[in-house]
Protein backbone atom coordinates (compact mmCIF):
# COMPACT_ATOMS: atom_id res chain seq x y z
CA UNK A 1 0.00 0.00 0.00
CA UNK A 2 1.36 3.43 -0.92
CA UNK A 3 0.93 6.38 1.46
CA UNK A 4 0.17 9.85 0.17
CA UNK A 5 1.72 11.44 3.24
CA UNK A 6 3.30 10.53 6.59
CA UNK A 7 -0.04 11.34 8.27
CA UNK A 8 -1.64 8.30 6.65
CA UNK A 9 0.55 6.11 8.84
CA UNK A 10 -1.40 7.51 11.80
CA UNK A 11 -4.72 7.94 10.03
CA UNK A 12 -6.14 8.57 6.57
CA UNK A 13 -6.24 11.83 4.68
CA UNK A 14 -9.96 12.41 4.90
CA UNK A 15 -12.94 14.71 4.84
CA UNK A 16 -15.15 14.44 7.88
CA UNK A 17 -15.09 14.23 11.67
CA UNK A 18 -14.39 10.51 12.19
CA UNK A 19 -11.99 8.01 10.69
CA UNK A 20 -14.34 5.13 11.52
CA UNK A 21 -17.67 6.73 10.64
CA UNK A 22 -16.57 8.94 7.74
CA UNK A 23 -13.34 7.73 6.13
CA UNK A 24 -14.13 4.06 6.69
CA UNK A 25 -17.63 4.60 5.33
CA UNK A 26 -16.26 6.31 2.24
CA UNK A 27 -13.97 3.33 1.67
CA UNK A 28 -16.96 0.97 1.88
CA UNK A 29 -18.77 2.97 -0.80
CA UNK A 30 -15.64 3.24 -2.95
CA UNK A 31 -14.93 -0.50 -2.87
CA UNK A 32 -18.60 -1.23 -3.64
CA UNK A 33 -18.39 1.08 -6.65
CA UNK A 34 -15.14 -0.57 -7.83
CA UNK A 35 -16.57 -4.07 -7.54
CA UNK A 36 -19.78 -3.07 -9.32
CA UNK A 37 -17.61 -1.68 -12.12
CA UNK A 38 -19.73 1.35 -13.04
CA UNK A 39 -21.83 4.16 -11.63
CA UNK A 40 -24.92 2.65 -9.97
CA UNK A 41 -28.34 4.09 -10.70
CA UNK A 42 -29.69 3.41 -7.22
CA UNK A 43 -28.46 2.58 -3.74
CA UNK A 44 -30.19 1.20 -0.64
CA UNK A 45 -27.97 1.34 2.41
CA UNK A 46 -28.86 -0.51 5.60
CA UNK A 47 -26.93 0.77 8.62
CA UNK A 48 -26.31 -1.15 11.85
CA UNK A 49 -24.95 -0.42 15.32
CA UNK A 50 -23.28 2.95 15.78
CA UNK A 51 -23.56 3.61 12.05
CA UNK A 52 -27.35 3.53 12.45
CA UNK A 53 -27.28 5.72 15.54
CA UNK A 54 -24.93 8.50 14.40
CA UNK A 55 -24.76 8.35 10.61
CA UNK A 56 -26.09 11.88 10.07
CA UNK A 57 -23.95 13.64 12.64
CA UNK A 58 -20.73 11.85 11.69
CA UNK A 59 -21.21 12.15 7.95
CA UNK A 60 -21.46 8.41 7.35
CA UNK A 61 -24.27 8.98 4.86
CA UNK A 62 -22.52 11.55 2.67
CA UNK A 63 -19.30 9.50 2.87
CA UNK A 64 -20.87 6.29 1.57
CA UNK A 65 -22.59 8.15 -1.27
CA UNK A 66 -19.31 9.92 -2.02
CA UNK A 67 -17.58 6.56 -2.27
CA UNK A 68 -20.27 5.31 -4.63
CA UNK A 69 -19.50 8.36 -6.78
CA UNK A 70 -15.83 7.29 -6.85
CA UNK A 71 -14.70 10.00 -4.40
CA UNK A 72 -11.73 9.01 -2.22
CA UNK A 73 -11.59 9.74 1.52
CA UNK A 74 -9.75 13.04 1.01
CA UNK A 75 -12.04 14.36 -1.75
CA UNK A 76 -13.78 17.59 -0.73
CA UNK A 77 -16.70 16.67 -2.97
CA UNK A 78 -17.85 14.20 -0.30
CA UNK A 79 -19.51 17.21 1.34
CA UNK A 80 -21.74 17.69 -1.71
CA UNK A 81 -22.20 14.02 -2.58
CA UNK A 82 -25.98 14.05 -2.08
CA UNK A 83 -26.45 16.87 -4.59
CA UNK A 84 -23.87 15.33 -6.96
CA UNK A 85 -25.63 11.95 -6.89
CA UNK A 86 -29.00 13.56 -7.54
CA UNK A 87 -27.55 15.50 -10.48
CA UNK A 88 -26.31 12.21 -11.95
CA UNK A 89 -29.75 10.65 -11.54
CA UNK A 90 -28.73 8.24 -8.78
CA UNK A 91 -31.42 7.62 -6.18
CA UNK A 92 -30.49 6.53 -2.67
CA UNK A 93 -31.99 5.83 0.73
CA UNK A 94 -30.63 5.01 4.18
CA UNK A 95 -32.34 2.45 6.39
CA UNK A 96 -31.25 2.38 10.06
CA UNK A 97 -31.62 -1.13 11.46
CA UNK A 98 -32.08 -2.13 15.10
CA UNK A 99 -30.80 -5.70 14.83
CA UNK A 100 -27.24 -6.50 15.82
CA UNK A 101 -24.65 -7.04 13.10
CA UNK A 102 -21.23 -8.65 12.93
CA UNK A 103 -19.57 -5.33 13.88
CA UNK A 104 -20.80 -2.06 15.44
CA UNK A 105 -19.95 -0.11 12.26
CA UNK A 106 -21.69 -2.17 9.59
CA UNK A 107 -23.32 -1.16 6.30
CA UNK A 108 -25.20 -3.40 3.89
CA UNK A 109 -24.97 -1.66 0.52
CA UNK A 110 -27.31 -2.70 -2.28
CA UNK A 111 -26.57 -0.99 -5.58
CA UNK A 112 -27.73 -1.60 -9.10
CA UNK A 113 -28.90 -0.44 -12.48
CA UNK A 114 -30.80 -1.86 -15.45
CA UNK A 115 -28.02 -4.40 -16.05
CA UNK A 116 -27.76 -5.91 -12.59
CA UNK A 117 -27.57 -5.59 -8.82
CA UNK A 118 -24.90 -6.20 -6.21
CA UNK A 119 -25.11 -6.55 -2.44
CA UNK A 120 -22.10 -5.93 -0.21
CA UNK A 121 -21.64 -5.90 3.56
CA UNK A 122 -18.77 -3.76 4.78
CA UNK A 123 -17.47 -2.97 8.26
CA UNK A 124 -15.38 0.01 9.32
CA UNK A 125 -12.74 -1.34 11.69
CA UNK A 126 -11.06 1.91 12.72
CA UNK A 127 -8.44 4.32 11.44
CA UNK A 128 -10.23 4.69 8.12
CA UNK A 129 -9.80 1.02 7.25
CA UNK A 130 -12.60 -1.35 6.30
CA UNK A 131 -13.31 -4.93 5.32
CA UNK A 132 -15.88 -6.46 3.03
CA UNK A 133 -17.33 -9.45 4.91
CA UNK A 134 -20.03 -10.50 2.46
CA UNK A 135 -20.57 -10.14 -1.28
CA UNK A 136 -23.80 -11.29 -2.93
CA UNK A 137 -24.37 -13.75 -0.11
CA UNK A 138 -20.82 -15.14 -0.10
CA UNK A 139 -18.91 -14.71 3.20
CA UNK A 140 -15.39 -13.37 2.66
CA UNK A 141 -12.76 -10.98 3.94
CA UNK A 142 -11.55 -8.28 1.59
CA UNK A 143 -9.60 -5.27 2.83
CA UNK A 144 -9.50 -3.15 -0.33
CA UNK A 145 -5.86 -2.26 0.38
CA UNK A 146 -4.38 -4.62 -2.20
CA UNK A 147 -5.19 -5.38 -5.83
CA UNK A 148 -7.67 -8.26 -5.71
CA UNK A 149 -9.04 -10.96 -7.96
CA UNK A 150 -12.58 -12.21 -7.40
CA UNK A 151 -13.18 -15.45 -9.24
CA UNK A 152 -16.61 -17.07 -9.46
CA UNK A 153 -16.29 -20.76 -10.25
CA UNK A 154 -17.92 -24.14 -9.96
CA UNK A 155 -16.97 -25.93 -6.76
CA UNK A 156 -14.77 -28.56 -8.40
CA UNK A 157 -11.43 -30.14 -7.56
CA UNK A 158 -8.40 -28.51 -9.18
CA UNK A 159 -9.80 -25.01 -9.72
CA UNK A 160 -7.83 -23.47 -6.83
CA UNK A 161 -4.63 -25.17 -7.96
CA UNK A 162 -5.13 -23.97 -11.53
CA UNK A 163 -5.62 -20.37 -10.41
CA UNK A 164 -2.61 -20.52 -8.06
CA UNK A 165 -0.37 -21.92 -10.79
CA UNK A 166 -1.24 -19.10 -13.19
CA UNK A 167 -0.55 -16.47 -10.54
CA UNK A 168 2.79 -18.12 -9.69
CA UNK A 169 3.73 -18.24 -13.38
CA UNK A 170 3.32 -14.46 -13.47
CA UNK A 171 5.74 -14.19 -10.51
CA UNK A 172 3.07 -12.66 -8.29
CA UNK A 173 2.89 -13.06 -4.52
CA UNK A 174 -0.44 -13.78 -2.82
CA UNK A 175 -1.07 -11.58 0.24
CA UNK A 176 -4.40 -13.15 1.21
CA UNK A 177 -6.62 -15.85 -0.26
CA UNK A 178 -9.88 -17.50 0.72
CA UNK A 179 -12.72 -19.42 -0.88
CA UNK A 180 -16.40 -19.33 0.05
CA UNK A 181 -19.30 -21.39 -1.18
CA UNK A 182 -23.01 -21.49 -0.46
CA UNK A 183 -23.39 -25.21 -1.08
CA UNK A 184 -21.00 -28.09 -1.76
CA UNK A 185 -20.54 -28.75 -5.46
CA UNK A 186 -22.30 -25.55 -6.53
CA UNK A 187 -21.09 -22.01 -7.11
CA UNK A 188 -18.04 -20.75 -5.19
CA UNK A 189 -16.17 -17.45 -4.88
CA UNK A 190 -12.40 -17.21 -4.65
CA UNK A 191 -10.91 -13.96 -3.33
CA UNK A 192 -7.20 -13.36 -3.83
CA UNK A 193 -5.33 -10.23 -2.79
CA UNK A 194 -1.90 -9.83 -4.39
CA UNK A 195 1.12 -7.60 -3.84
CA UNK A 196 1.24 -6.02 -7.30
CA UNK A 197 -1.02 -5.10 -10.17
CA UNK A 198 -2.05 -7.74 -12.67
CA UNK A 199 -2.26 -7.42 -16.45
CA UNK A 200 -4.80 -8.51 -19.06
CA UNK A 201 -2.85 -11.63 -19.99
CA UNK A 202 -3.23 -13.02 -16.48
CA UNK A 203 -6.95 -12.25 -16.49
CA UNK A 204 -7.40 -13.90 -19.88
CA UNK A 205 -5.65 -17.03 -18.65
CA UNK A 206 -7.82 -17.17 -15.54
CA UNK A 207 -11.00 -16.74 -17.58
CA UNK A 208 -9.99 -19.63 -19.84
CA UNK A 209 -9.69 -22.11 -16.96
CA UNK A 210 -12.26 -24.93 -16.81
CA UNK A 211 -15.10 -24.28 -14.32
CA UNK A 212 -14.27 -20.55 -14.01
CA UNK A 213 -17.40 -18.54 -14.89
CA UNK A 214 -16.43 -14.95 -14.01
CA UNK A 215 -13.31 -12.97 -13.12
CA UNK A 216 -13.63 -9.53 -11.52
CA UNK A 217 -10.89 -7.25 -10.24
CA UNK A 218 -10.41 -4.63 -7.59
CA UNK A 219 -7.49 -2.32 -8.28
CA UNK A 220 -5.79 -0.49 -5.43
C-alpha atoms as a PDB file:
ATOM      1  CA  UNK A   1       0.000   0.000   0.000  1.00  0.00           C
ATOM      2  CA  UNK A   2       1.358   3.432  -0.917  1.00  0.00           C
ATOM      3  CA  UNK A   3       0.929   6.380   1.460  1.00  0.00           C
ATOM      4  CA  UNK A   4       0.171   9.851   0.167  1.00  0.00           C
ATOM      5  CA  UNK A   5       1.721  11.437   3.239  1.00  0.00           C
ATOM      6  CA  UNK A   6       3.299  10.529   6.589  1.00  0.00           C
ATOM      7  CA  UNK A   7      -0.037  11.343   8.275  1.00  0.00           C
ATOM      8  CA  UNK A   8      -1.636   8.300   6.653  1.00  0.00           C
ATOM      9  CA  UNK A   9       0.549   6.105   8.841  1.00  0.00           C
ATOM     10  CA  UNK A  10      -1.404   7.511  11.796  1.00  0.00           C
ATOM     11  CA  UNK A  11      -4.724   7.940  10.031  1.00  0.00           C
ATOM     12  CA  UNK A  12      -6.136   8.571   6.567  1.00  0.00           C
ATOM     13  CA  UNK A  13      -6.243  11.827   4.685  1.00  0.00           C
ATOM     14  CA  UNK A  14      -9.960  12.414   4.901  1.00  0.00           C
ATOM     15  CA  UNK A  15     -12.941  14.710   4.841  1.00  0.00           C
ATOM     16  CA  UNK A  16     -15.151  14.436   7.878  1.00  0.00           C
ATOM     17  CA  UNK A  17     -15.087  14.228  11.669  1.00  0.00           C
ATOM     18  CA  UNK A  18     -14.391  10.509  12.191  1.00  0.00           C
ATOM     19  CA  UNK A  19     -11.992   8.008  10.686  1.00  0.00           C
ATOM     20  CA  UNK A  20     -14.337   5.130  11.522  1.00  0.00           C
ATOM     21  CA  UNK A  21     -17.668   6.727  10.641  1.00  0.00           C
ATOM     22  CA  UNK A  22     -16.570   8.939   7.745  1.00  0.00           C
ATOM     23  CA  UNK A  23     -13.338   7.734   6.133  1.00  0.00           C
ATOM     24  CA  UNK A  24     -14.126   4.061   6.686  1.00  0.00           C
ATOM     25  CA  UNK A  25     -17.626   4.597   5.332  1.00  0.00           C
ATOM     26  CA  UNK A  26     -16.263   6.315   2.235  1.00  0.00           C
ATOM     27  CA  UNK A  27     -13.974   3.328   1.669  1.00  0.00           C
ATOM     28  CA  UNK A  28     -16.963   0.974   1.882  1.00  0.00           C
ATOM     29  CA  UNK A  29     -18.766   2.973  -0.800  1.00  0.00           C
ATOM     30  CA  UNK A  30     -15.640   3.241  -2.949  1.00  0.00           C
ATOM     31  CA  UNK A  31     -14.931  -0.500  -2.868  1.00  0.00           C
ATOM     32  CA  UNK A  32     -18.595  -1.233  -3.639  1.00  0.00           C
ATOM     33  CA  UNK A  33     -18.390   1.078  -6.652  1.00  0.00           C
ATOM     34  CA  UNK A  34     -15.143  -0.566  -7.833  1.00  0.00           C
ATOM     35  CA  UNK A  35     -16.568  -4.070  -7.543  1.00  0.00           C
ATOM     36  CA  UNK A  36     -19.780  -3.068  -9.321  1.00  0.00           C
ATOM     37  CA  UNK A  37     -17.615  -1.677 -12.116  1.00  0.00           C
ATOM     38  CA  UNK A  38     -19.731   1.347 -13.035  1.00  0.00           C
ATOM     39  CA  UNK A  39     -21.829   4.157 -11.635  1.00  0.00           C
ATOM     40  CA  UNK A  40     -24.920   2.655  -9.970  1.00  0.00           C
ATOM     41  CA  UNK A  41     -28.344   4.092 -10.696  1.00  0.00           C
ATOM     42  CA  UNK A  42     -29.689   3.412  -7.217  1.00  0.00           C
ATOM     43  CA  UNK A  43     -28.464   2.575  -3.741  1.00  0.00           C
ATOM     44  CA  UNK A  44     -30.189   1.205  -0.643  1.00  0.00           C
ATOM     45  CA  UNK A  45     -27.965   1.343   2.410  1.00  0.00           C
ATOM     46  CA  UNK A  46     -28.859  -0.511   5.600  1.00  0.00           C
ATOM     47  CA  UNK A  47     -26.934   0.766   8.622  1.00  0.00           C
ATOM     48  CA  UNK A  48     -26.306  -1.153  11.846  1.00  0.00           C
ATOM     49  CA  UNK A  49     -24.952  -0.415  15.315  1.00  0.00           C
ATOM     50  CA  UNK A  50     -23.278   2.950  15.785  1.00  0.00           C
ATOM     51  CA  UNK A  51     -23.563   3.606  12.049  1.00  0.00           C
ATOM     52  CA  UNK A  52     -27.348   3.527  12.449  1.00  0.00           C
ATOM     53  CA  UNK A  53     -27.279   5.723  15.538  1.00  0.00           C
ATOM     54  CA  UNK A  54     -24.927   8.496  14.396  1.00  0.00           C
ATOM     55  CA  UNK A  55     -24.759   8.355  10.608  1.00  0.00           C
ATOM     56  CA  UNK A  56     -26.092  11.882  10.065  1.00  0.00           C
ATOM     57  CA  UNK A  57     -23.950  13.638  12.643  1.00  0.00           C
ATOM     58  CA  UNK A  58     -20.732  11.849  11.689  1.00  0.00           C
ATOM     59  CA  UNK A  59     -21.210  12.154   7.946  1.00  0.00           C
ATOM     60  CA  UNK A  60     -21.460   8.408   7.346  1.00  0.00           C
ATOM     61  CA  UNK A  61     -24.272   8.985   4.865  1.00  0.00           C
ATOM     62  CA  UNK A  62     -22.519  11.549   2.669  1.00  0.00           C
ATOM     63  CA  UNK A  63     -19.303   9.501   2.872  1.00  0.00           C
ATOM     64  CA  UNK A  64     -20.869   6.287   1.568  1.00  0.00           C
ATOM     65  CA  UNK A  65     -22.588   8.148  -1.270  1.00  0.00           C
ATOM     66  CA  UNK A  66     -19.314   9.917  -2.025  1.00  0.00           C
ATOM     67  CA  UNK A  67     -17.575   6.563  -2.265  1.00  0.00           C
ATOM     68  CA  UNK A  68     -20.273   5.310  -4.631  1.00  0.00           C
ATOM     69  CA  UNK A  69     -19.504   8.358  -6.783  1.00  0.00           C
ATOM     70  CA  UNK A  70     -15.832   7.290  -6.849  1.00  0.00           C
ATOM     71  CA  UNK A  71     -14.698  10.002  -4.395  1.00  0.00           C
ATOM     72  CA  UNK A  72     -11.732   9.006  -2.221  1.00  0.00           C
ATOM     73  CA  UNK A  73     -11.588   9.739   1.517  1.00  0.00           C
ATOM     74  CA  UNK A  74      -9.753  13.038   1.008  1.00  0.00           C
ATOM     75  CA  UNK A  75     -12.041  14.358  -1.748  1.00  0.00           C
ATOM     76  CA  UNK A  76     -13.775  17.595  -0.727  1.00  0.00           C
ATOM     77  CA  UNK A  77     -16.705  16.673  -2.974  1.00  0.00           C
ATOM     78  CA  UNK A  78     -17.850  14.204  -0.301  1.00  0.00           C
ATOM     79  CA  UNK A  79     -19.506  17.211   1.343  1.00  0.00           C
ATOM     80  CA  UNK A  80     -21.742  17.688  -1.713  1.00  0.00           C
ATOM     81  CA  UNK A  81     -22.200  14.023  -2.578  1.00  0.00           C
ATOM     82  CA  UNK A  82     -25.985  14.050  -2.083  1.00  0.00           C
ATOM     83  CA  UNK A  83     -26.445  16.870  -4.589  1.00  0.00           C
ATOM     84  CA  UNK A  84     -23.873  15.334  -6.958  1.00  0.00           C
ATOM     85  CA  UNK A  85     -25.625  11.949  -6.895  1.00  0.00           C
ATOM     86  CA  UNK A  86     -28.998  13.562  -7.536  1.00  0.00           C
ATOM     87  CA  UNK A  87     -27.546  15.502 -10.480  1.00  0.00           C
ATOM     88  CA  UNK A  88     -26.308  12.207 -11.953  1.00  0.00           C
ATOM     89  CA  UNK A  89     -29.746  10.649 -11.541  1.00  0.00           C
ATOM     90  CA  UNK A  90     -28.733   8.237  -8.782  1.00  0.00           C
ATOM     91  CA  UNK A  91     -31.424   7.622  -6.178  1.00  0.00           C
ATOM     92  CA  UNK A  92     -30.488   6.534  -2.667  1.00  0.00           C
ATOM     93  CA  UNK A  93     -31.992   5.827   0.730  1.00  0.00           C
ATOM     94  CA  UNK A  94     -30.632   5.013   4.182  1.00  0.00           C
ATOM     95  CA  UNK A  95     -32.336   2.455   6.387  1.00  0.00           C
ATOM     96  CA  UNK A  96     -31.245   2.380  10.055  1.00  0.00           C
ATOM     97  CA  UNK A  97     -31.620  -1.127  11.459  1.00  0.00           C
ATOM     98  CA  UNK A  98     -32.085  -2.133  15.097  1.00  0.00           C
ATOM     99  CA  UNK A  99     -30.801  -5.695  14.830  1.00  0.00           C
ATOM    100  CA  UNK A 100     -27.245  -6.505  15.823  1.00  0.00           C
ATOM    101  CA  UNK A 101     -24.649  -7.036  13.104  1.00  0.00           C
ATOM    102  CA  UNK A 102     -21.227  -8.646  12.926  1.00  0.00           C
ATOM    103  CA  UNK A 103     -19.569  -5.334  13.875  1.00  0.00           C
ATOM    104  CA  UNK A 104     -20.802  -2.058  15.435  1.00  0.00           C
ATOM    105  CA  UNK A 105     -19.951  -0.110  12.264  1.00  0.00           C
ATOM    106  CA  UNK A 106     -21.691  -2.167   9.585  1.00  0.00           C
ATOM    107  CA  UNK A 107     -23.316  -1.156   6.301  1.00  0.00           C
ATOM    108  CA  UNK A 108     -25.201  -3.403   3.886  1.00  0.00           C
ATOM    109  CA  UNK A 109     -24.971  -1.665   0.521  1.00  0.00           C
ATOM    110  CA  UNK A 110     -27.309  -2.696  -2.283  1.00  0.00           C
ATOM    111  CA  UNK A 111     -26.569  -0.992  -5.584  1.00  0.00           C
ATOM    112  CA  UNK A 112     -27.730  -1.602  -9.101  1.00  0.00           C
ATOM    113  CA  UNK A 113     -28.904  -0.445 -12.484  1.00  0.00           C
ATOM    114  CA  UNK A 114     -30.798  -1.857 -15.449  1.00  0.00           C
ATOM    115  CA  UNK A 115     -28.019  -4.399 -16.045  1.00  0.00           C
ATOM    116  CA  UNK A 116     -27.761  -5.910 -12.588  1.00  0.00           C
ATOM    117  CA  UNK A 117     -27.574  -5.586  -8.815  1.00  0.00           C
ATOM    118  CA  UNK A 118     -24.900  -6.199  -6.205  1.00  0.00           C
ATOM    119  CA  UNK A 119     -25.110  -6.550  -2.437  1.00  0.00           C
ATOM    120  CA  UNK A 120     -22.102  -5.927  -0.208  1.00  0.00           C
ATOM    121  CA  UNK A 121     -21.644  -5.900   3.557  1.00  0.00           C
ATOM    122  CA  UNK A 122     -18.773  -3.758   4.782  1.00  0.00           C
ATOM    123  CA  UNK A 123     -17.469  -2.969   8.256  1.00  0.00           C
ATOM    124  CA  UNK A 124     -15.380   0.013   9.319  1.00  0.00           C
ATOM    125  CA  UNK A 125     -12.740  -1.340  11.690  1.00  0.00           C
ATOM    126  CA  UNK A 126     -11.056   1.913  12.716  1.00  0.00           C
ATOM    127  CA  UNK A 127      -8.440   4.323  11.438  1.00  0.00           C
ATOM    128  CA  UNK A 128     -10.228   4.690   8.117  1.00  0.00           C
ATOM    129  CA  UNK A 129      -9.801   1.019   7.252  1.00  0.00           C
ATOM    130  CA  UNK A 130     -12.595  -1.353   6.300  1.00  0.00           C
ATOM    131  CA  UNK A 131     -13.306  -4.929   5.322  1.00  0.00           C
ATOM    132  CA  UNK A 132     -15.884  -6.461   3.033  1.00  0.00           C
ATOM    133  CA  UNK A 133     -17.325  -9.447   4.909  1.00  0.00           C
ATOM    134  CA  UNK A 134     -20.032 -10.505   2.459  1.00  0.00           C
ATOM    135  CA  UNK A 135     -20.572 -10.142  -1.280  1.00  0.00           C
ATOM    136  CA  UNK A 136     -23.798 -11.295  -2.934  1.00  0.00           C
ATOM    137  CA  UNK A 137     -24.372 -13.747  -0.113  1.00  0.00           C
ATOM    138  CA  UNK A 138     -20.818 -15.135  -0.104  1.00  0.00           C
ATOM    139  CA  UNK A 139     -18.913 -14.713   3.196  1.00  0.00           C
ATOM    140  CA  UNK A 140     -15.392 -13.372   2.659  1.00  0.00           C
ATOM    141  CA  UNK A 141     -12.763 -10.981   3.944  1.00  0.00           C
ATOM    142  CA  UNK A 142     -11.554  -8.277   1.587  1.00  0.00           C
ATOM    143  CA  UNK A 143      -9.603  -5.265   2.827  1.00  0.00           C
ATOM    144  CA  UNK A 144      -9.505  -3.150  -0.327  1.00  0.00           C
ATOM    145  CA  UNK A 145      -5.862  -2.259   0.380  1.00  0.00           C
ATOM    146  CA  UNK A 146      -4.383  -4.625  -2.204  1.00  0.00           C
ATOM    147  CA  UNK A 147      -5.188  -5.378  -5.833  1.00  0.00           C
ATOM    148  CA  UNK A 148      -7.666  -8.256  -5.708  1.00  0.00           C
ATOM    149  CA  UNK A 149      -9.039 -10.962  -7.964  1.00  0.00           C
ATOM    150  CA  UNK A 150     -12.581 -12.206  -7.401  1.00  0.00           C
ATOM    151  CA  UNK A 151     -13.182 -15.447  -9.242  1.00  0.00           C
ATOM    152  CA  UNK A 152     -16.613 -17.068  -9.463  1.00  0.00           C
ATOM    153  CA  UNK A 153     -16.293 -20.755 -10.253  1.00  0.00           C
ATOM    154  CA  UNK A 154     -17.919 -24.140  -9.963  1.00  0.00           C
ATOM    155  CA  UNK A 155     -16.967 -25.929  -6.756  1.00  0.00           C
ATOM    156  CA  UNK A 156     -14.765 -28.559  -8.401  1.00  0.00           C
ATOM    157  CA  UNK A 157     -11.425 -30.139  -7.559  1.00  0.00           C
ATOM    158  CA  UNK A 158      -8.401 -28.511  -9.182  1.00  0.00           C
ATOM    159  CA  UNK A 159      -9.798 -25.010  -9.715  1.00  0.00           C
ATOM    160  CA  UNK A 160      -7.830 -23.468  -6.834  1.00  0.00           C
ATOM    161  CA  UNK A 161      -4.628 -25.174  -7.965  1.00  0.00           C
ATOM    162  CA  UNK A 162      -5.133 -23.968 -11.534  1.00  0.00           C
ATOM    163  CA  UNK A 163      -5.619 -20.371 -10.408  1.00  0.00           C
ATOM    164  CA  UNK A 164      -2.611 -20.522  -8.058  1.00  0.00           C
ATOM    165  CA  UNK A 165      -0.368 -21.922 -10.793  1.00  0.00           C
ATOM    166  CA  UNK A 166      -1.243 -19.097 -13.192  1.00  0.00           C
ATOM    167  CA  UNK A 167      -0.551 -16.466 -10.540  1.00  0.00           C
ATOM    168  CA  UNK A 168       2.791 -18.120  -9.686  1.00  0.00           C
ATOM    169  CA  UNK A 169       3.726 -18.239 -13.382  1.00  0.00           C
ATOM    170  CA  UNK A 170       3.321 -14.459 -13.473  1.00  0.00           C
ATOM    171  CA  UNK A 171       5.740 -14.189 -10.513  1.00  0.00           C
ATOM    172  CA  UNK A 172       3.065 -12.658  -8.291  1.00  0.00           C
ATOM    173  CA  UNK A 173       2.888 -13.058  -4.520  1.00  0.00           C
ATOM    174  CA  UNK A 174      -0.442 -13.782  -2.823  1.00  0.00           C
ATOM    175  CA  UNK A 175      -1.072 -11.577   0.238  1.00  0.00           C
ATOM    176  CA  UNK A 176      -4.397 -13.150   1.212  1.00  0.00           C
ATOM    177  CA  UNK A 177      -6.615 -15.854  -0.255  1.00  0.00           C
ATOM    178  CA  UNK A 178      -9.884 -17.500   0.717  1.00  0.00           C
ATOM    179  CA  UNK A 179     -12.723 -19.421  -0.879  1.00  0.00           C
ATOM    180  CA  UNK A 180     -16.396 -19.332   0.050  1.00  0.00           C
ATOM    181  CA  UNK A 181     -19.301 -21.392  -1.182  1.00  0.00           C
ATOM    182  CA  UNK A 182     -23.008 -21.494  -0.458  1.00  0.00           C
ATOM    183  CA  UNK A 183     -23.395 -25.209  -1.083  1.00  0.00           C
ATOM    184  CA  UNK A 184     -20.998 -28.095  -1.758  1.00  0.00           C
ATOM    185  CA  UNK A 185     -20.535 -28.747  -5.459  1.00  0.00           C
ATOM    186  CA  UNK A 186     -22.297 -25.554  -6.531  1.00  0.00           C
ATOM    187  CA  UNK A 187     -21.086 -22.005  -7.106  1.00  0.00           C
ATOM    188  CA  UNK A 188     -18.036 -20.752  -5.190  1.00  0.00           C
ATOM    189  CA  UNK A 189     -16.172 -17.451  -4.876  1.00  0.00           C
ATOM    190  CA  UNK A 190     -12.396 -17.211  -4.653  1.00  0.00           C
ATOM    191  CA  UNK A 191     -10.913 -13.960  -3.331  1.00  0.00           C
ATOM    192  CA  UNK A 192      -7.197 -13.364  -3.834  1.00  0.00           C
ATOM    193  CA  UNK A 193      -5.330 -10.230  -2.788  1.00  0.00           C
ATOM    194  CA  UNK A 194      -1.900  -9.833  -4.391  1.00  0.00           C
ATOM    195  CA  UNK A 195       1.119  -7.598  -3.841  1.00  0.00           C
ATOM    196  CA  UNK A 196       1.242  -6.022  -7.297  1.00  0.00           C
ATOM    197  CA  UNK A 197      -1.025  -5.097 -10.166  1.00  0.00           C
ATOM    198  CA  UNK A 198      -2.049  -7.741 -12.673  1.00  0.00           C
ATOM    199  CA  UNK A 199      -2.262  -7.424 -16.445  1.00  0.00           C
ATOM    200  CA  UNK A 200      -4.795  -8.512 -19.058  1.00  0.00           C
ATOM    201  CA  UNK A 201      -2.846 -11.634 -19.993  1.00  0.00           C
ATOM    202  CA  UNK A 202      -3.232 -13.017 -16.482  1.00  0.00           C
ATOM    203  CA  UNK A 203      -6.946 -12.250 -16.489  1.00  0.00           C
ATOM    204  CA  UNK A 204      -7.397 -13.896 -19.881  1.00  0.00           C
ATOM    205  CA  UNK A 205      -5.653 -17.033 -18.647  1.00  0.00           C
ATOM    206  CA  UNK A 206      -7.822 -17.175 -15.538  1.00  0.00           C
ATOM    207  CA  UNK A 207     -10.998 -16.738 -17.583  1.00  0.00           C
ATOM    208  CA  UNK A 208      -9.991 -19.627 -19.841  1.00  0.00           C
ATOM    209  CA  UNK A 209      -9.690 -22.112 -16.961  1.00  0.00           C
ATOM    210  CA  UNK A 210     -12.257 -24.926 -16.808  1.00  0.00           C
ATOM    211  CA  UNK A 211     -15.096 -24.282 -14.320  1.00  0.00           C
ATOM    212  CA  UNK A 212     -14.274 -20.549 -14.012  1.00  0.00           C
ATOM    213  CA  UNK A 213     -17.398 -18.538 -14.887  1.00  0.00           C
ATOM    214  CA  UNK A 214     -16.429 -14.946 -14.014  1.00  0.00           C
ATOM    215  CA  UNK A 215     -13.306 -12.969 -13.121  1.00  0.00           C
ATOM    216  CA  UNK A 216     -13.628  -9.531 -11.517  1.00  0.00           C
ATOM    217  CA  UNK A 217     -10.888  -7.251 -10.241  1.00  0.00           C
ATOM    218  CA  UNK A 218     -10.414  -4.632  -7.587  1.00  0.00           C
ATOM    219  CA  UNK A 219      -7.490  -2.317  -8.281  1.00  0.00           C
ATOM    220  CA  UNK A 220      -5.788  -0.494  -5.432  1.00  0.00           C
END
